[in-house]
Amino acid sequence: MSQSESKEMYLETIYILQQEENHAHSVDVAKRLNVSKPSVTKAMNNLRKIGLIDQEKYGPITLTEEGLAIAKRVYDNHQLITKFIISSLKLSPEQAEKDACKIEHVISADMVDAIKNYLA
């Protein structure tokens, strides 16, 4: 997994946790991504340094405006790609979800627009 893909996965996970639970903590992120707590701590430190999250020690993680924009883009692309795979390619929701999770990090804006137009 590339650094960019890892960053996007963490941001998307924080976004989803905030939507579902109204908060995101490192332990929740670790469980959701099936990674160790030290891995999450390291990733959160990196995301904080580049201005994508805010987090007080042992406090909840919040997305900055820039972090939220990235997280929403990745999440929206994930949902769109999943819908496309299910409706157009007739794969199972489980398989579509797995594949969308991989594709969402490398898809071009032109491809996203093409999928939106196709599904419209």
N, C-alpha and C. Protein backbone atom coordinates (compact mmCIF):
# COMPACT_ATOMS: atom_id res chain seq x y z
N MET A 1 0.86 -1.17 0.00
CA MET A 1 0.00 0.00 0.00
C MET A 1 0.90 1.24 0.00
N SER A 2 0.62 2.18 -0.90
CA SER A 2 1.43 3.40 -0.97
C SER A 2 1.10 4.32 0.19
N GLN A 3 1.97 5.30 0.41
CA GLN A 3 1.71 6.26 1.49
C GLN A 3 0.43 7.03 1.22
N SER A 4 0.22 7.40 -0.04
CA SER A 4 -0.99 8.13 -0.40
C SER A 4 -2.24 7.29 -0.14
N GLU A 5 -2.20 6.03 -0.52
CA GLU A 5 -3.32 5.13 -0.31
C GLU A 5 -3.57 4.93 1.18
N SER A 6 -2.51 4.76 1.95
CA SER A 6 -2.62 4.60 3.40
C SER A 6 -3.25 5.85 4.02
N LYS A 7 -2.77 7.00 3.62
CA LYS A 7 -3.31 8.27 4.13
C LYS A 7 -4.81 8.35 3.84
N GLU A 8 -5.19 8.02 2.62
CA GLU A 8 -6.60 8.08 2.24
C GLU A 8 -7.44 7.09 3.02
N MET A 9 -6.91 5.89 3.26
CA MET A 9 -7.64 4.88 4.03
C MET A 9 -7.90 5.36 5.45
N TYR A 10 -6.88 5.94 6.07
CA TYR A 10 -7.05 6.47 7.42
C TYR A 10 -8.08 7.60 7.45
N LEU A 11 -7.98 8.52 6.51
CA LEU A 11 -8.91 9.65 6.48
C LEU A 11 -10.34 9.17 6.24
N GLU A 12 -10.51 8.25 5.30
CA GLU A 12 -11.85 7.72 5.02
C GLU A 12 -12.41 7.01 6.25
N THR A 13 -11.59 6.25 6.94
CA THR A 13 -12.03 5.53 8.13
C THR A 13 -12.45 6.50 9.23
N ILE A 14 -11.67 7.54 9.43
CA ILE A 14 -12.04 8.56 10.43
C ILE A 14 -13.38 9.18 10.05
N TYR A 15 -13.55 9.50 8.78
CA TYR A 15 -14.80 10.09 8.30
C TYR A 15 -15.98 9.16 8.58
N ILE A 16 -15.84 7.89 8.24
CA ILE A 16 -16.92 6.92 8.45
C ILE A 16 -17.24 6.79 9.93
N LEU A 17 -16.22 6.69 10.76
CA LEU A 17 -16.45 6.59 12.21
C LEU A 17 -17.17 7.82 12.74
N GLN A 18 -16.80 8.99 12.26
CA GLN A 18 -17.47 10.21 12.70
C GLN A 18 -18.94 10.21 12.28
N GLN A 19 -19.22 9.67 11.10
CA GLN A 19 -20.61 9.59 10.63
C GLN A 19 -21.41 8.58 11.44
N GLU A 20 -20.81 7.44 11.74
CA GLU A 20 -21.51 6.36 12.43
C GLU A 20 -21.57 6.54 13.94
N GLU A 21 -20.47 7.02 14.52
CA GLU A 21 -20.35 7.06 15.97
C GLU A 21 -20.30 8.47 16.56
N ASN A 22 -20.23 9.47 15.69
CA ASN A 22 -20.08 10.88 16.09
C ASN A 22 -18.71 11.20 16.68
N HIS A 23 -17.78 10.25 16.57
CA HIS A 23 -16.41 10.49 17.03
C HIS A 23 -15.51 9.40 16.45
N ALA A 24 -14.22 9.68 16.47
CA ALA A 24 -13.24 8.68 16.05
C ALA A 24 -12.08 8.71 17.02
N HIS A 25 -11.73 7.58 17.56
CA HIS A 25 -10.57 7.44 18.44
C HIS A 25 -9.60 6.45 17.78
N SER A 26 -8.35 6.54 18.15
CA SER A 26 -7.33 5.69 17.56
C SER A 26 -7.67 4.21 17.68
N VAL A 27 -8.19 3.80 18.82
CA VAL A 27 -8.53 2.40 19.02
C VAL A 27 -9.62 1.96 18.04
N ASP A 28 -10.57 2.85 17.74
CA ASP A 28 -11.64 2.53 16.78
C ASP A 28 -11.08 2.40 15.37
N VAL A 29 -10.16 3.29 15.03
CA VAL A 29 -9.52 3.24 13.71
C VAL A 29 -8.74 1.93 13.57
N ALA A 30 -8.00 1.56 14.62
CA ALA A 30 -7.21 0.33 14.60
C ALA A 30 -8.11 -0.88 14.38
N LYS A 31 -9.23 -0.93 15.09
CA LYS A 31 -10.16 -2.05 14.95
C LYS A 31 -10.75 -2.10 13.54
N ARG A 32 -11.17 -0.95 13.04
CA ARG A 32 -11.82 -0.89 11.73
C ARG A 32 -10.88 -1.31 10.61
N LEU A 33 -9.62 -0.90 10.72
CA LEU A 33 -8.65 -1.21 9.66
C LEU A 33 -7.86 -2.48 9.93
N ASN A 34 -8.10 -3.08 11.11
CA ASN A 34 -7.39 -4.29 11.50
C ASN A 34 -5.87 -4.09 11.48
N VAL A 35 -5.46 -3.00 12.13
CA VAL A 35 -4.03 -2.69 12.27
C VAL A 35 -3.74 -2.45 13.75
N SER A 36 -2.46 -2.40 14.08
CA SER A 36 -2.09 -2.22 15.49
C SER A 36 -2.29 -0.77 15.93
N LYS A 37 -2.48 -0.59 17.22
CA LYS A 37 -2.63 0.75 17.79
C LYS A 37 -1.37 1.58 17.53
N PRO A 38 -0.14 1.03 17.67
CA PRO A 38 1.05 1.83 17.35
C PRO A 38 1.08 2.29 15.88
N SER A 39 0.57 1.46 14.98
CA SER A 39 0.51 1.88 13.57
C SER A 39 -0.42 3.08 13.40
N VAL A 40 -1.54 3.05 14.09
CA VAL A 40 -2.49 4.16 14.02
C VAL A 40 -1.87 5.41 14.63
N THR A 41 -1.21 5.26 15.77
CA THR A 41 -0.56 6.40 16.42
C THR A 41 0.44 7.06 15.48
N LYS A 42 1.25 6.25 14.83
CA LYS A 42 2.23 6.78 13.88
C LYS A 42 1.54 7.50 12.73
N ALA A 43 0.50 6.88 12.18
CA ALA A 43 -0.23 7.49 11.07
C ALA A 43 -0.90 8.80 11.50
N MET A 44 -1.48 8.83 12.71
CA MET A 44 -2.14 10.05 13.18
C MET A 44 -1.12 11.17 13.37
N ASN A 45 0.05 10.82 13.86
CA ASN A 45 1.11 11.84 14.00
C ASN A 45 1.48 12.41 12.64
N ASN A 46 1.60 11.55 11.64
CA ASN A 46 1.91 12.02 10.30
C ASN A 46 0.79 12.89 9.72
N LEU A 47 -0.46 12.45 9.90
CA LEU A 47 -1.59 13.22 9.39
C LEU A 47 -1.72 14.57 10.09
N ARG A 48 -1.41 14.60 11.38
CA ARG A 48 -1.45 15.86 12.13
C ARG A 48 -0.36 16.81 11.62
N LYS A 49 0.84 16.27 11.38
CA LYS A 49 1.95 17.10 10.90
C LYS A 49 1.66 17.75 9.55
N ILE A 50 0.91 17.06 8.70
CA ILE A 50 0.62 17.65 7.39
C ILE A 50 -0.73 18.37 7.36
N GLY A 51 -1.34 18.53 8.53
CA GLY A 51 -2.52 19.38 8.66
C GLY A 51 -3.84 18.76 8.22
N LEU A 52 -3.94 17.44 8.25
CA LEU A 52 -5.17 16.79 7.83
C LEU A 52 -6.09 16.38 8.98
N ILE A 53 -5.54 16.30 10.18
CA ILE A 53 -6.34 15.98 11.38
C ILE A 53 -5.90 16.86 12.54
N ASP A 54 -6.78 16.93 13.52
CA ASP A 54 -6.46 17.51 14.82
C ASP A 54 -6.73 16.42 15.85
N GLN A 55 -5.87 16.36 16.86
CA GLN A 55 -6.09 15.40 17.94
C GLN A 55 -5.27 15.80 19.15
N GLU A 56 -5.96 15.98 20.25
CA GLU A 56 -5.28 16.17 21.52
C GLU A 56 -4.86 14.79 22.03
N LYS A 57 -3.84 14.74 22.85
CA LYS A 57 -3.37 13.45 23.36
C LYS A 57 -4.52 12.68 24.00
N TYR A 58 -4.73 11.47 23.52
CA TYR A 58 -5.78 10.55 23.97
C TYR A 58 -7.19 11.05 23.66
N GLY A 59 -7.32 12.10 22.89
CA GLY A 59 -8.63 12.64 22.55
C GLY A 59 -9.15 12.12 21.23
N PRO A 60 -10.36 12.52 20.89
CA PRO A 60 -10.92 12.10 19.60
C PRO A 60 -10.16 12.75 18.44
N ILE A 61 -10.23 12.11 17.31
CA ILE A 61 -9.58 12.60 16.10
C ILE A 61 -10.62 13.38 15.31
N THR A 62 -10.26 14.57 14.88
CA THR A 62 -11.14 15.35 14.02
C THR A 62 -10.41 15.69 12.73
N LEU A 63 -11.15 15.70 11.66
CA LEU A 63 -10.59 16.05 10.36
C LEU A 63 -10.54 17.57 10.21
N THR A 64 -9.45 18.07 9.68
CA THR A 64 -9.38 19.48 9.33
C THR A 64 -10.22 19.68 8.06
N GLU A 65 -10.37 20.90 7.64
CA GLU A 65 -11.12 21.17 6.42
C GLU A 65 -10.51 20.43 5.22
N GLU A 66 -9.19 20.46 5.12
CA GLU A 66 -8.50 19.76 4.03
C GLU A 66 -8.63 18.25 4.17
N GLY A 67 -8.50 17.74 5.39
CA GLY A 67 -8.65 16.31 5.63
C GLY A 67 -10.05 15.83 5.31
N LEU A 68 -11.05 16.65 5.67
CA LEU A 68 -12.44 16.31 5.39
C LEU A 68 -12.68 16.26 3.88
N ALA A 69 -12.13 17.19 3.14
CA ALA A 69 -12.31 17.22 1.68
C ALA A 69 -11.75 15.95 1.04
N ILE A 70 -10.58 15.54 1.49
CA ILE A 70 -9.97 14.31 0.95
C ILE A 70 -10.80 13.09 1.34
N ALA A 71 -11.19 13.03 2.62
CA ALA A 71 -11.97 11.89 3.11
C ALA A 71 -13.29 11.76 2.36
N LYS A 72 -13.97 12.87 2.16
CA LYS A 72 -15.26 12.84 1.44
C LYS A 72 -15.07 12.41 -0.01
N ARG A 73 -14.02 12.88 -0.66
CA ARG A 73 -13.77 12.49 -2.05
C ARG A 73 -13.55 10.99 -2.14
N VAL A 74 -12.71 10.46 -1.25
CA VAL A 74 -12.42 9.02 -1.26
C VAL A 74 -13.69 8.23 -0.95
N TYR A 75 -14.42 8.65 0.07
CA TYR A 75 -15.65 7.96 0.45
C TYR A 75 -16.68 7.99 -0.68
N ASP A 76 -16.87 9.16 -1.28
CA ASP A 76 -17.84 9.28 -2.37
C ASP A 76 -17.44 8.43 -3.57
N ASN A 77 -16.14 8.43 -3.89
CA ASN A 77 -15.65 7.58 -4.98
C ASN A 77 -15.89 6.11 -4.68
N HIS A 78 -15.65 5.73 -3.44
CA HIS A 78 -15.86 4.35 -3.00
C HIS A 78 -17.32 3.94 -3.23
N GLN A 79 -18.23 4.79 -2.79
CA GLN A 79 -19.66 4.50 -2.93
C GLN A 79 -20.06 4.41 -4.41
N LEU A 80 -19.56 5.35 -5.21
CA LEU A 80 -19.88 5.38 -6.64
C LEU A 80 -19.35 4.14 -7.35
N ILE A 81 -18.12 3.78 -7.09
CA ILE A 81 -17.51 2.62 -7.73
C ILE A 81 -18.23 1.34 -7.31
N THR A 82 -18.57 1.23 -6.04
CA THR A 82 -19.32 0.06 -5.56
C THR A 82 -20.64 -0.06 -6.30
N LYS A 83 -21.35 1.04 -6.40
CA LYS A 83 -22.64 1.04 -7.10
C LYS A 83 -22.46 0.63 -8.57
N PHE A 84 -21.44 1.17 -9.21
CA PHE A 84 -21.16 0.84 -10.61
C PHE A 84 -20.87 -0.65 -10.78
N ILE A 85 -20.04 -1.19 -9.92
CA ILE A 85 -19.66 -2.60 -10.03
C ILE A 85 -20.87 -3.51 -9.83
N ILE A 86 -21.70 -3.18 -8.87
CA ILE A 86 -22.88 -4.00 -8.60
C ILE A 86 -23.88 -3.90 -9.74
N SER A 87 -24.20 -2.68 -10.16
CA SER A 87 -25.26 -2.51 -11.14
C SER A 87 -24.83 -2.85 -12.57
N SER A 88 -23.59 -2.58 -12.90
CA SER A 88 -23.14 -2.78 -14.29
C SER A 88 -22.44 -4.10 -14.52
N LEU A 89 -21.65 -4.52 -13.56
CA LEU A 89 -20.86 -5.74 -13.73
C LEU A 89 -21.48 -6.94 -13.03
N LYS A 90 -22.54 -6.68 -12.25
CA LYS A 90 -23.32 -7.74 -11.59
C LYS A 90 -22.50 -8.59 -10.61
N LEU A 91 -21.49 -7.97 -10.01
CA LEU A 91 -20.75 -8.67 -8.96
C LEU A 91 -21.49 -8.53 -7.65
N SER A 92 -21.19 -9.41 -6.71
CA SER A 92 -21.84 -9.37 -5.41
C SER A 92 -21.45 -8.09 -4.68
N PRO A 93 -22.30 -7.63 -3.77
CA PRO A 93 -21.96 -6.44 -2.99
C PRO A 93 -20.63 -6.61 -2.23
N GLU A 94 -20.37 -7.82 -1.74
CA GLU A 94 -19.13 -8.07 -1.01
C GLU A 94 -17.91 -7.90 -1.92
N GLN A 95 -17.98 -8.48 -3.12
CA GLN A 95 -16.87 -8.37 -4.06
C GLN A 95 -16.74 -6.93 -4.55
N ALA A 96 -17.85 -6.29 -4.81
CA ALA A 96 -17.83 -4.89 -5.27
C ALA A 96 -17.17 -4.00 -4.23
N GLU A 97 -17.48 -4.23 -2.97
CA GLU A 97 -16.91 -3.46 -1.87
C GLU A 97 -15.40 -3.63 -1.81
N LYS A 98 -14.93 -4.86 -1.92
CA LYS A 98 -13.49 -5.13 -1.88
C LYS A 98 -12.77 -4.46 -3.05
N ASP A 99 -13.34 -4.60 -4.24
CA ASP A 99 -12.71 -4.03 -5.42
C ASP A 99 -12.75 -2.50 -5.40
N ALA A 100 -13.86 -1.94 -4.97
CA ALA A 100 -13.98 -0.48 -4.89
C ALA A 100 -12.96 0.10 -3.93
N CYS A 101 -12.68 -0.62 -2.86
CA CYS A 101 -11.71 -0.16 -1.87
C CYS A 101 -10.31 -0.03 -2.48
N LYS A 102 -10.01 -0.86 -3.43
CA LYS A 102 -8.71 -0.79 -4.10
C LYS A 102 -8.72 0.27 -5.20
N ILE A 103 -9.79 0.32 -5.95
CA ILE A 103 -9.88 1.21 -7.11
C ILE A 103 -9.96 2.68 -6.69
N GLU A 104 -10.62 2.96 -5.57
CA GLU A 104 -10.87 4.35 -5.16
C GLU A 104 -9.61 5.19 -5.04
N HIS A 105 -8.47 4.57 -4.87
CA HIS A 105 -7.23 5.30 -4.66
C HIS A 105 -6.48 5.62 -5.95
N VAL A 106 -6.85 4.97 -7.03
CA VAL A 106 -6.11 5.16 -8.27
C VAL A 106 -6.96 5.68 -9.43
N ILE A 107 -8.23 5.81 -9.22
CA ILE A 107 -9.15 6.22 -10.28
C ILE A 107 -8.96 7.70 -10.62
N SER A 108 -9.03 8.02 -11.89
CA SER A 108 -8.89 9.41 -12.32
C SER A 108 -10.22 10.16 -12.19
N ALA A 109 -10.14 11.46 -12.14
CA ALA A 109 -11.34 12.29 -12.09
C ALA A 109 -12.19 12.08 -13.35
N ASP A 110 -11.53 11.89 -14.48
CA ASP A 110 -12.27 11.64 -15.72
C ASP A 110 -13.07 10.34 -15.63
N MET A 111 -12.48 9.31 -15.04
CA MET A 111 -13.19 8.04 -14.88
C MET A 111 -14.37 8.20 -13.92
N VAL A 112 -14.16 8.94 -12.84
CA VAL A 112 -15.26 9.19 -11.90
C VAL A 112 -16.41 9.88 -12.61
N ASP A 113 -16.09 10.90 -13.40
CA ASP A 113 -17.13 11.62 -14.16
C ASP A 113 -17.84 10.69 -15.14
N ALA A 114 -17.07 9.83 -15.81
CA ALA A 114 -17.65 8.89 -16.76
C ALA A 114 -18.61 7.91 -16.07
N ILE A 115 -18.23 7.44 -14.90
CA ILE A 115 -19.10 6.53 -14.14
C ILE A 115 -20.37 7.26 -13.71
N LYS A 116 -20.21 8.49 -13.24
CA LYS A 116 -21.40 9.28 -12.85
C LYS A 116 -22.35 9.43 -14.02
N ASN A 117 -21.81 9.77 -15.19
CA ASN A 117 -22.64 9.93 -16.37
C ASN A 117 -23.29 8.62 -16.79
N TYR A 118 -22.56 7.53 -16.68
CA TYR A 118 -23.08 6.21 -17.03
C TYR A 118 -24.25 5.83 -16.12
N LEU A 119 -24.11 6.11 -14.84
CA LEU A 119 -25.15 5.73 -13.88
C LEU A 119 -26.33 6.68 -13.85
N ALA A 120 -26.17 7.85 -14.45
CA ALA A 120 -27.24 8.88 -14.42
C ALA A 120 -28.44 8.46 -15.25
